[in-house]
Amino acid sequence: MPARNHQRRVQQQGQSAPGVPNSVVIVTCRIDLPEAVYDSYAALAARSNREVEDLLQQQLLRCRDIIGSGIYFNEAQKKRLSNVVGHTVADAEGALQRLETSTVVDVSGFKFDLDPRLIQRLKTRVFRGESYEDVMHREIVRSLMMFAGMNPPLSNTGGWWRRGQRSAHNNGNGHGNIPKEAPDHV
C-alpha cells in the first residue's frame, strides 16, 4: 500500500484550566470512499446543514474505540430495540444496561435471565390497572406455590398477591395466609 501524505497542524482550543494544554494536534488525511457512501453522508450533511467533512469527523470520533466488526443500528433498528427493552436507547452502553436489567429476575436471591421475547409476551398480559411488576410478582408467587403443592387462589381479586400491602388474606409480613380455593362441586 503506498504511503500517503498526512499533514499535521496544531490547533488551539478554547480556554483551558491552568497547567492543561489548550492545543491539539490535528492530522489531515485523504481517504477514498465509494461514491454511494459519500452521497449518503452528503445527503445527511445537507439535511443537518453541515459540511460532509465535519459529519465524517464526528462519526470517526464517535467510533474510534470500536475494534473489529462493531454492532451498528440504523434508526429503524434502534426503534425496534427501544420497543423490546421498553425504553429509548441512545447508545451501546444504554442498550446493555437496559438489556441487563430487563432480562434478570431475582427471586429470594436467586437470579436468572429471561428471554427478551418472553418478557415482551409477558408485558402483553398486563391489563389495565395492573403494573408489570405486580403481575410478575403475582405469577411467580403463584407458580412457586403450585410447585410446592400449595393451592393458590386462581382469582386476581382479594389482593393476596400484592407486594407489601396488607389485605384480608395477608397478615402484613409479606407471607400471606392464603386460603385454598373452594371445590368446584358441592
Protein backbone atom coordinates (compact mmCIF):
# COMPACT_ATOMS: atom_id res chain seq x y z
CA MET A 1 0.00 0.00 0.00
CA PRO A 2 1.54 3.33 -0.97
CA ALA A 3 2.40 5.79 1.76
CA ARG A 4 0.08 8.73 1.95
CA ASN A 5 0.96 12.27 2.82
CA HIS A 6 -0.51 13.32 6.12
CA GLN A 7 -0.39 16.91 7.20
CA ARG A 8 -0.20 17.77 10.88
CA ARG A 9 -1.01 21.08 12.46
CA VAL A 10 -1.54 22.32 15.99
CA GLN A 11 -4.96 23.78 16.63
CA GLN A 12 -5.67 25.98 19.62
CA GLN A 13 -8.76 25.16 21.62
CA GLY A 14 -10.71 27.44 23.95
CA GLN A 15 -9.71 28.42 27.48
CA SER A 16 -8.23 25.59 29.48
CA ALA A 17 -7.54 25.09 33.16
CA PRO A 18 -4.13 26.16 34.47
CA GLY A 19 -1.49 23.55 33.63
CA VAL A 20 -3.66 21.89 30.96
CA PRO A 21 -2.55 22.36 27.36
CA ASN A 22 -5.14 24.10 25.22
CA SER A 23 -3.98 22.77 21.89
CA VAL A 24 -4.41 19.55 20.00
CA VAL A 25 -2.53 18.10 17.04
CA ILE A 26 -4.79 17.73 14.02
CA VAL A 27 -3.84 15.30 11.27
CA THR A 28 -5.27 15.98 7.85
CA CYS A 29 -5.51 12.95 5.60
CA ARG A 30 -7.16 11.99 2.35
CA ILE A 31 -9.33 8.88 2.05
CA ASP A 32 -11.06 7.29 -0.91
CA LEU A 33 -14.75 6.44 -0.49
CA PRO A 34 -17.18 4.76 -2.83
CA GLU A 35 -19.46 7.37 -4.35
CA ALA A 36 -22.59 5.83 -2.79
CA VAL A 37 -21.07 6.13 0.71
CA TYR A 38 -20.06 9.74 0.10
CA ASP A 39 -23.52 10.53 -1.30
CA SER A 40 -25.17 9.12 1.84
CA TYR A 41 -23.04 11.33 4.08
CA ALA A 42 -23.54 14.33 1.76
CA ALA A 43 -27.33 13.93 1.96
CA LEU A 44 -27.19 13.64 5.75
CA ALA A 45 -24.90 16.69 5.95
CA ALA A 46 -27.26 18.71 3.74
CA ARG A 47 -30.26 17.80 5.95
CA SER A 48 -28.37 18.89 9.07
CA ASN A 49 -26.88 22.00 7.42
CA ARG A 50 -23.29 20.84 7.98
CA GLU A 51 -20.20 20.07 5.95
CA VAL A 52 -19.62 16.46 4.88
CA GLU A 53 -16.12 16.52 6.37
CA ASP A 54 -17.48 17.62 9.77
CA LEU A 55 -20.01 14.82 9.73
CA LEU A 56 -17.36 12.23 8.80
CA GLN A 57 -15.05 13.55 11.52
CA GLN A 58 -17.81 13.32 14.14
CA GLN A 59 -18.64 9.74 13.08
CA LEU A 60 -14.98 8.69 13.22
CA LEU A 61 -14.52 10.25 16.66
CA ARG A 62 -17.65 8.52 17.98
CA CYS A 63 -16.49 5.10 16.69
CA ARG A 64 -12.78 5.31 17.49
CA ASP A 65 -12.99 2.76 20.34
CA ILE A 66 -14.81 0.16 18.26
CA ILE A 67 -12.39 -2.53 17.15
CA GLY A 68 -13.33 -5.25 14.70
CA SER A 69 -16.88 -5.59 13.49
CA GLY A 70 -18.80 -3.35 15.87
CA ILE A 71 -22.56 -3.59 16.12
CA TYR A 72 -24.28 -0.68 14.43
CA PHE A 73 -28.00 0.07 14.45
CA ASN A 74 -29.81 2.20 11.90
CA GLU A 75 -32.71 4.33 13.16
CA ALA A 76 -35.36 1.68 12.45
CA GLN A 77 -33.31 -0.96 14.31
CA LYS A 78 -32.76 1.40 17.27
CA LYS A 79 -36.52 1.92 17.43
CA ARG A 80 -37.11 -1.86 17.46
CA LEU A 81 -34.52 -2.27 20.22
CA SER A 82 -36.17 0.50 22.23
CA ASN A 83 -39.52 -1.25 21.85
CA VAL A 84 -38.07 -4.54 23.07
CA VAL A 85 -36.45 -3.09 26.20
CA GLY A 86 -39.28 -0.63 26.84
CA HIS A 87 -37.07 2.47 26.92
CA THR A 88 -35.41 4.77 24.41
CA VAL A 89 -31.90 3.54 23.66
CA ALA A 90 -29.39 6.18 22.55
CA ASP A 91 -26.09 4.30 22.64
CA ALA A 92 -24.50 0.89 23.19
CA GLU A 93 -23.97 1.37 26.93
CA GLY A 94 -27.61 2.36 27.40
CA ALA A 95 -28.73 -0.69 25.42
CA LEU A 96 -26.59 -3.01 27.54
CA GLN A 97 -27.84 -1.50 30.79
CA ARG A 98 -31.47 -1.85 29.71
CA LEU A 99 -30.96 -5.41 28.50
CA GLU A 100 -29.17 -6.43 31.68
CA THR A 101 -31.87 -5.07 33.95
CA SER A 102 -34.84 -6.05 31.82
CA THR A 103 -33.93 -9.71 31.47
CA VAL A 104 -32.83 -10.62 35.00
CA VAL A 105 -35.32 -11.78 37.62
CA ASP A 106 -34.31 -12.03 41.28
CA VAL A 107 -36.39 -14.34 43.46
CA SER A 108 -35.18 -14.55 47.07
CA GLY A 109 -31.59 -14.01 45.99
CA PHE A 110 -31.74 -16.44 43.06
CA LYS A 111 -31.12 -14.52 39.86
CA PHE A 112 -31.98 -15.87 36.46
CA ASP A 113 -32.28 -14.50 32.95
CA LEU A 114 -35.46 -14.34 30.93
CA ASP A 115 -35.51 -14.36 27.15
CA PRO A 116 -36.42 -10.85 25.92
CA ARG A 117 -39.12 -12.42 23.71
CA LEU A 118 -40.70 -13.93 26.84
CA ILE A 119 -40.61 -10.55 28.56
CA GLN A 120 -42.30 -8.94 25.56
CA ARG A 121 -45.08 -11.54 25.67
CA LEU A 122 -45.45 -11.20 29.45
CA LYS A 123 -45.92 -7.45 29.07
CA THR A 124 -48.90 -8.12 26.79
CA ARG A 125 -50.56 -9.95 29.70
CA VAL A 126 -50.65 -6.82 31.88
CA PHE A 127 -54.17 -5.47 31.97
CA ARG A 128 -55.49 -2.01 32.75
CA GLY A 129 -55.00 -1.11 36.40
CA GLU A 130 -52.09 -3.54 36.86
CA SER A 131 -48.36 -2.92 36.78
CA TYR A 132 -45.86 -5.24 35.12
CA GLU A 133 -44.04 -5.62 38.45
CA ASP A 134 -47.22 -6.69 40.27
CA VAL A 135 -48.17 -9.17 37.56
CA MET A 136 -44.67 -10.69 37.62
CA HIS A 137 -44.73 -10.92 41.42
CA ARG A 138 -48.20 -12.49 41.45
CA GLU A 139 -47.40 -15.08 38.78
CA ILE A 140 -44.02 -16.03 40.24
CA VAL A 141 -45.52 -16.49 43.73
CA ARG A 142 -48.48 -18.39 42.30
CA SER A 143 -46.21 -20.72 40.28
CA LEU A 144 -43.89 -21.38 43.22
CA MET A 145 -46.88 -22.12 45.46
CA MET A 146 -48.25 -24.57 42.93
CA PHE A 147 -44.83 -26.20 42.58
CA ALA A 148 -44.66 -26.60 46.37
CA GLY A 149 -48.04 -28.34 46.40
CA MET A 150 -49.98 -25.37 47.74
CA ASN A 151 -53.24 -24.27 46.18
CA PRO A 152 -53.12 -20.51 45.48
CA PRO A 153 -56.33 -18.71 44.59
CA LEU A 154 -56.79 -18.56 40.85
CA SER A 155 -58.53 -15.23 41.13
CA ASN A 156 -56.60 -11.98 40.99
CA THR A 157 -59.07 -10.42 43.40
CA GLY A 158 -58.57 -10.17 47.14
CA GLY A 159 -55.12 -8.68 46.87
CA TRP A 160 -53.36 -11.76 48.31
CA TRP A 161 -50.56 -11.29 45.80
CA ARG A 162 -49.91 -7.54 46.24
CA ARG A 163 -46.39 -6.82 47.39
CA GLY A 164 -46.02 -5.11 50.76
CA GLN A 165 -49.72 -4.35 51.17
CA ARG A 166 -51.99 -5.61 53.92
CA SER A 167 -55.11 -7.38 52.74
CA ALA A 168 -57.75 -9.65 54.19
CA HIS A 169 -55.61 -12.68 53.31
CA ASN A 170 -52.22 -11.17 54.10
CA ASN A 171 -51.01 -10.96 57.68
CA GLY A 172 -48.83 -7.94 56.81
CA ASN A 173 -45.43 -9.63 56.98
CA GLY A 174 -45.28 -10.46 53.28
CA HIS A 175 -46.31 -14.06 53.92
CA GLY A 176 -49.99 -14.48 53.26
CA ASN A 177 -52.37 -16.88 54.92
CA ILE A 178 -53.77 -17.81 51.58
CA PRO A 179 -56.98 -19.81 51.69
CA LYS A 180 -57.49 -22.79 49.45
CA GLU A 181 -59.94 -22.43 46.60
CA ALA A 182 -63.39 -23.83 47.18
CA PRO A 183 -64.02 -27.11 45.36
CA ASP A 184 -65.84 -26.92 42.04
CA HIS A 185 -68.60 -29.22 43.24
CA VAL A 186 -70.74 -29.07 46.38
